[in-house]
């Protein structure tokens, strides 16, 4: 089952890349609102909700991290809904690329262009849940997206138009 999911994901990626899935196309068809901080912005499609992250004990949202979850209405529902956690690092030289050893059933992705960036990554399983981990860097800055594809009985797919629109919209204001 896990290998089938990874295979389906990779076929979808190849279809996306083969169909010219680069540039900002796709995000224009998906309606939503933009979530912005002083460091980054991203589309939050209708039916999704953005949740800021905070330092432990802090009251001000972190400007470099946001979770966007499909179907979640409260912060507690983040743990039971699929979603994307976006991290932005201003100084990529101090950040390690994600470690594939932390995941099971890892399948490496072919690099792909989407939105303003060239992304690389892999799919895998984390604590029994399928994930996709993608990142982009220009040598100075780095975005990393942790995509939680299934949480309990709720699922998203990497190929979903709303997921693609989120990824394509990630940018620095």
C-alpha atoms as a PDB file:
ATOM      1  CA  UNK A   1       0.000   0.000   0.000  1.00  0.00           C
ATOM      2  CA  UNK A   2       2.773   2.447   0.932  1.00  0.00           C
ATOM      3  CA  UNK A   3       4.708   1.684  -2.235  1.00  0.00           C
ATOM      4  CA  UNK A   4       1.527   2.049  -4.301  1.00  0.00           C
ATOM      5  CA  UNK A   5       0.925   5.508  -2.815  1.00  0.00           C
ATOM      6  CA  UNK A   6       4.500   6.530  -3.611  1.00  0.00           C
ATOM      7  CA  UNK A   7       4.152   5.204  -7.162  1.00  0.00           C
ATOM      8  CA  UNK A   8       0.874   7.084  -7.697  1.00  0.00           C
ATOM      9  CA  UNK A   9       2.528  10.233  -6.368  1.00  0.00           C
ATOM     10  CA  UNK A  10       5.490   9.874  -8.720  1.00  0.00           C
ATOM     11  CA  UNK A  11       3.262   9.228 -11.756  1.00  0.00           C
ATOM     12  CA  UNK A  12       1.343  12.395 -10.899  1.00  0.00           C
ATOM     13  CA  UNK A  13       4.611  14.327 -10.636  1.00  0.00           C
ATOM     14  CA  UNK A  14       5.741  13.083 -14.019  1.00  0.00           C
ATOM     15  CA  UNK A  15       2.383  14.040 -15.533  1.00  0.00           C
ATOM     16  CA  UNK A  16       2.649  17.497 -14.001  1.00  0.00           C
ATOM     17  CA  UNK A  17       6.182  18.011 -15.269  1.00  0.00           C
ATOM     18  CA  UNK A  18       5.305  16.577 -18.676  1.00  0.00           C
ATOM     19  CA  UNK A  19       2.356  18.957 -18.993  1.00  0.00           C
ATOM     20  CA  UNK A  20       4.510  22.000 -18.413  1.00  0.00           C
ATOM     21  CA  UNK A  21       3.643  22.452 -14.756  1.00  0.00           C
ATOM     22  CA  UNK A  22       5.922  25.406 -14.283  1.00  0.00           C
ATOM     23  CA  UNK A  23       5.278  29.022 -13.622  1.00  0.00           C
ATOM     24  CA  UNK A  24       2.375  30.405 -11.659  1.00  0.00           C
ATOM     25  CA  UNK A  25      -0.293  28.677 -13.719  1.00  0.00           C
ATOM     26  CA  UNK A  26      -2.975  26.927 -11.747  1.00  0.00           C
ATOM     27  CA  UNK A  27      -3.123  29.387  -8.878  1.00  0.00           C
ATOM     28  CA  UNK A  28      -5.374  31.679 -10.944  1.00  0.00           C
ATOM     29  CA  UNK A  29      -8.127  29.045 -11.005  1.00  0.00           C
ATOM     30  CA  UNK A  30      -8.099  28.462  -7.257  1.00  0.00           C
ATOM     31  CA  UNK A  31      -9.861  31.078  -5.164  1.00  0.00           C
ATOM     32  CA  UNK A  32      -8.707  32.020  -1.696  1.00  0.00           C
ATOM     33  CA  UNK A  33      -6.879  34.618   0.336  1.00  0.00           C
ATOM     34  CA  UNK A  34      -3.223  35.434   0.701  1.00  0.00           C
ATOM     35  CA  UNK A  35      -1.501  34.844   4.040  1.00  0.00           C
ATOM     36  CA  UNK A  36       1.442  37.228   4.425  1.00  0.00           C
ATOM     37  CA  UNK A  37       4.160  38.041   6.901  1.00  0.00           C
ATOM     38  CA  UNK A  38       7.070  40.418   6.466  1.00  0.00           C
ATOM     39  CA  UNK A  39       9.105  37.445   5.151  1.00  0.00           C
ATOM     40  CA  UNK A  40       6.758  35.390   2.976  1.00  0.00           C
ATOM     41  CA  UNK A  41       3.334  35.073   1.417  1.00  0.00           C
ATOM     42  CA  UNK A  42       1.231  32.123   0.259  1.00  0.00           C
ATOM     43  CA  UNK A  43      -2.243  31.450  -1.094  1.00  0.00           C
ATOM     44  CA  UNK A  44      -4.731  29.898   1.333  1.00  0.00           C
ATOM     45  CA  UNK A  45      -7.439  28.343  -0.874  1.00  0.00           C
ATOM     46  CA  UNK A  46     -11.101  28.377   0.096  1.00  0.00           C
ATOM     47  CA  UNK A  47     -11.744  25.421   2.424  1.00  0.00           C
ATOM     48  CA  UNK A  48      -8.229  25.692   3.883  1.00  0.00           C
ATOM     49  CA  UNK A  49      -7.109  27.695   6.918  1.00  0.00           C
ATOM     50  CA  UNK A  50      -3.761  29.242   7.815  1.00  0.00           C
ATOM     51  CA  UNK A  51      -2.344  28.801  11.305  1.00  0.00           C
ATOM     52  CA  UNK A  52       0.644  30.851  12.454  1.00  0.00           C
ATOM     53  CA  UNK A  53       3.352  29.240  14.545  1.00  0.00           C
ATOM     54  CA  UNK A  54       4.739  30.739  17.762  1.00  0.00           C
ATOM     55  CA  UNK A  55       7.955  30.409  19.746  1.00  0.00           C
ATOM     56  CA  UNK A  56       7.450  28.437  22.914  1.00  0.00           C
ATOM     57  CA  UNK A  57       5.768  30.791  25.361  1.00  0.00           C
ATOM     58  CA  UNK A  58       5.636  33.578  22.776  1.00  0.00           C
ATOM     59  CA  UNK A  59       2.644  35.635  21.733  1.00  0.00           C
ATOM     60  CA  UNK A  60       3.886  37.027  18.420  1.00  0.00           C
ATOM     61  CA  UNK A  61       3.563  34.776  15.362  1.00  0.00           C
ATOM     62  CA  UNK A  62       6.802  33.628  13.745  1.00  0.00           C
ATOM     63  CA  UNK A  63       7.211  35.424  10.394  1.00  0.00           C
ATOM     64  CA  UNK A  64       8.882  32.414   8.754  1.00  0.00           C
ATOM     65  CA  UNK A  65       6.455  29.543   9.463  1.00  0.00           C
ATOM     66  CA  UNK A  66       2.813  28.857   8.710  1.00  0.00           C
ATOM     67  CA  UNK A  67       0.649  25.739   8.608  1.00  0.00           C
ATOM     68  CA  UNK A  68      -2.178  25.565   6.071  1.00  0.00           C
ATOM     69  CA  UNK A  69      -4.707  22.781   6.634  1.00  0.00           C
ATOM     70  CA  UNK A  70      -7.602  21.604   4.528  1.00  0.00           C
ATOM     71  CA  UNK A  71     -10.857  21.425   6.452  1.00  0.00           C
ATOM     72  CA  UNK A  72      -9.422  22.625   9.771  1.00  0.00           C
ATOM     73  CA  UNK A  73     -11.353  25.320  11.570  1.00  0.00           C
ATOM     74  CA  UNK A  74      -9.454  25.473  14.877  1.00  0.00           C
ATOM     75  CA  UNK A  75      -5.784  25.131  15.744  1.00  0.00           C
ATOM     76  CA  UNK A  76      -6.479  21.769  17.370  1.00  0.00           C
ATOM     77  CA  UNK A  77      -7.770  20.359  14.080  1.00  0.00           C
ATOM     78  CA  UNK A  78      -4.325  20.754  12.514  1.00  0.00           C
ATOM     79  CA  UNK A  79      -3.410  17.393  14.009  1.00  0.00           C
ATOM     80  CA  UNK A  80      -6.301  15.629  12.297  1.00  0.00           C
ATOM     81  CA  UNK A  81      -6.382  17.303   8.884  1.00  0.00           C
ATOM     82  CA  UNK A  82      -3.987  17.070   5.956  1.00  0.00           C
ATOM     83  CA  UNK A  83      -1.971  20.166   5.301  1.00  0.00           C
ATOM     84  CA  UNK A  84       1.243  21.918   4.423  1.00  0.00           C
ATOM     85  CA  UNK A  85       3.722  23.455   6.834  1.00  0.00           C
ATOM     86  CA  UNK A  86       5.829  26.113   5.134  1.00  0.00           C
ATOM     87  CA  UNK A  87       9.164  27.202   6.592  1.00  0.00           C
ATOM     88  CA  UNK A  88      11.235  30.042   5.189  1.00  0.00           C
ATOM     89  CA  UNK A  89      14.914  30.426   6.088  1.00  0.00           C
ATOM     90  CA  UNK A  90      16.696  33.684   5.251  1.00  0.00           C
ATOM     91  CA  UNK A  91      20.111  32.077   5.600  1.00  0.00           C
ATOM     92  CA  UNK A  92      20.007  28.665   3.946  1.00  0.00           C
ATOM     93  CA  UNK A  93      23.683  28.018   4.630  1.00  0.00           C
ATOM     94  CA  UNK A  94      22.736  27.347   8.267  1.00  0.00           C
ATOM     95  CA  UNK A  95      19.918  24.931   7.388  1.00  0.00           C
ATOM     96  CA  UNK A  96      20.345  21.242   6.597  1.00  0.00           C
ATOM     97  CA  UNK A  97      18.305  19.754   3.788  1.00  0.00           C
ATOM     98  CA  UNK A  98      15.700  17.284   5.078  1.00  0.00           C
ATOM     99  CA  UNK A  99      17.135  13.954   6.166  1.00  0.00           C
ATOM    100  CA  UNK A 100      15.577  11.044   4.249  1.00  0.00           C
ATOM    101  CA  UNK A 101      16.697   8.647   6.985  1.00  0.00           C
ATOM    102  CA  UNK A 102      13.914   9.987   9.231  1.00  0.00           C
ATOM    103  CA  UNK A 103      11.259   8.524   6.894  1.00  0.00           C
ATOM    104  CA  UNK A 104      10.229   5.087   5.670  1.00  0.00           C
ATOM    105  CA  UNK A 105       9.542   4.043   2.063  1.00  0.00           C
ATOM    106  CA  UNK A 106      11.358   7.067   0.636  1.00  0.00           C
ATOM    107  CA  UNK A 107      10.974   7.799  -3.068  1.00  0.00           C
ATOM    108  CA  UNK A 108      13.077  10.620  -4.474  1.00  0.00           C
ATOM    109  CA  UNK A 109      11.330  13.131  -6.740  1.00  0.00           C
ATOM    110  CA  UNK A 110      12.673  14.470  -9.966  1.00  0.00           C
ATOM    111  CA  UNK A 111      13.308  18.244  -9.568  1.00  0.00           C
ATOM    112  CA  UNK A 112      10.446  20.336 -10.925  1.00  0.00           C
ATOM    113  CA  UNK A 113       9.588  23.974 -11.553  1.00  0.00           C
ATOM    114  CA  UNK A 114       6.420  25.367  -9.991  1.00  0.00           C
ATOM    115  CA  UNK A 115       5.690  29.015  -9.305  1.00  0.00           C
ATOM    116  CA  UNK A 116       8.854  31.072  -8.990  1.00  0.00           C
ATOM    117  CA  UNK A 117      11.088  28.209  -7.918  1.00  0.00           C
ATOM    118  CA  UNK A 118      12.755  24.956  -8.875  1.00  0.00           C
ATOM    119  CA  UNK A 119      11.834  22.370  -6.220  1.00  0.00           C
ATOM    120  CA  UNK A 120      13.382  19.072  -5.178  1.00  0.00           C
ATOM    121  CA  UNK A 121      12.203  16.544  -2.653  1.00  0.00           C
ATOM    122  CA  UNK A 122      10.925  13.098  -1.801  1.00  0.00           C
ATOM    123  CA  UNK A 123       7.896  11.235  -0.546  1.00  0.00           C
ATOM    124  CA  UNK A 124       7.897   8.918   2.410  1.00  0.00           C
ATOM    125  CA  UNK A 125       6.048   7.773   5.477  1.00  0.00           C
ATOM    126  CA  UNK A 126       6.315   9.465   8.869  1.00  0.00           C
ATOM    127  CA  UNK A 127       4.756   7.765  11.899  1.00  0.00           C
ATOM    128  CA  UNK A 128       2.487   5.778   9.583  1.00  0.00           C
ATOM    129  CA  UNK A 129       1.324   8.804   7.576  1.00  0.00           C
ATOM    130  CA  UNK A 130       2.319   9.568   3.974  1.00  0.00           C
ATOM    131  CA  UNK A 131       4.202  12.818   3.465  1.00  0.00           C
ATOM    132  CA  UNK A 132       5.946  14.764   0.744  1.00  0.00           C
ATOM    133  CA  UNK A 133       8.909  16.936   1.686  1.00  0.00           C
ATOM    134  CA  UNK A 134       9.983  19.527  -0.866  1.00  0.00           C
ATOM    135  CA  UNK A 135      12.396  22.439  -0.747  1.00  0.00           C
ATOM    136  CA  UNK A 136      13.970  25.117  -2.870  1.00  0.00           C
ATOM    137  CA  UNK A 137      17.016  27.242  -2.335  1.00  0.00           C
ATOM    138  CA  UNK A 138      18.884  29.875  -4.280  1.00  0.00           C
ATOM    139  CA  UNK A 139      22.004  29.394  -2.171  1.00  0.00           C
ATOM    140  CA  UNK A 140      21.044  32.187   0.206  1.00  0.00           C
ATOM    141  CA  UNK A 141      17.394  31.578   1.137  1.00  0.00           C
ATOM    142  CA  UNK A 142      15.412  28.365   1.455  1.00  0.00           C
ATOM    143  CA  UNK A 143      11.764  27.312   1.558  1.00  0.00           C
ATOM    144  CA  UNK A 144      10.868  23.875   2.917  1.00  0.00           C
ATOM    145  CA  UNK A 145       7.339  22.480   2.660  1.00  0.00           C
ATOM    146  CA  UNK A 146       6.230  19.478   4.691  1.00  0.00           C
ATOM    147  CA  UNK A 147       3.076  18.158   3.046  1.00  0.00           C
ATOM    148  CA  UNK A 148       0.984  15.862   5.241  1.00  0.00           C
ATOM    149  CA  UNK A 149      -0.968  13.903   2.631  1.00  0.00           C
ATOM    150  CA  UNK A 150      -3.219  11.879   4.927  1.00  0.00           C
ATOM    151  CA  UNK A 151      -4.422  12.406   8.461  1.00  0.00           C
ATOM    152  CA  UNK A 152      -6.904   9.820   9.714  1.00  0.00           C
ATOM    153  CA  UNK A 153      -9.607   9.477   7.026  1.00  0.00           C
ATOM    154  CA  UNK A 154      -8.865  12.820   5.301  1.00  0.00           C
ATOM    155  CA  UNK A 155      -6.506  13.013   2.338  1.00  0.00           C
ATOM    156  CA  UNK A 156      -5.008  15.430  -0.109  1.00  0.00           C
ATOM    157  CA  UNK A 157      -2.914  14.545  -3.126  1.00  0.00           C
ATOM    158  CA  UNK A 158       0.112  16.335  -4.404  1.00  0.00           C
ATOM    159  CA  UNK A 159      -1.596  16.568  -7.799  1.00  0.00           C
ATOM    160  CA  UNK A 160      -4.664  18.376  -6.387  1.00  0.00           C
ATOM    161  CA  UNK A 161      -5.119  21.796  -7.968  1.00  0.00           C
ATOM    162  CA  UNK A 162      -5.348  23.498  -4.566  1.00  0.00           C
ATOM    163  CA  UNK A 163      -2.102  21.875  -3.354  1.00  0.00           C
ATOM    164  CA  UNK A 164      -0.347  22.861  -6.586  1.00  0.00           C
ATOM    165  CA  UNK A 165      -1.694  26.421  -6.247  1.00  0.00           C
ATOM    166  CA  UNK A 166      -0.339  26.688  -2.697  1.00  0.00           C
ATOM    167  CA  UNK A 167       3.116  25.540  -3.776  1.00  0.00           C
ATOM    168  CA  UNK A 168       3.096  27.813  -6.860  1.00  0.00           C
ATOM    169  CA  UNK A 169       2.126  30.836  -4.726  1.00  0.00           C
ATOM    170  CA  UNK A 170       4.920  30.570  -2.160  1.00  0.00           C
ATOM    171  CA  UNK A 171       6.967  33.739  -2.446  1.00  0.00           C
ATOM    172  CA  UNK A 172       8.943  36.444  -0.751  1.00  0.00           C
ATOM    173  CA  UNK A 173       6.978  39.741  -0.731  1.00  0.00           C
END
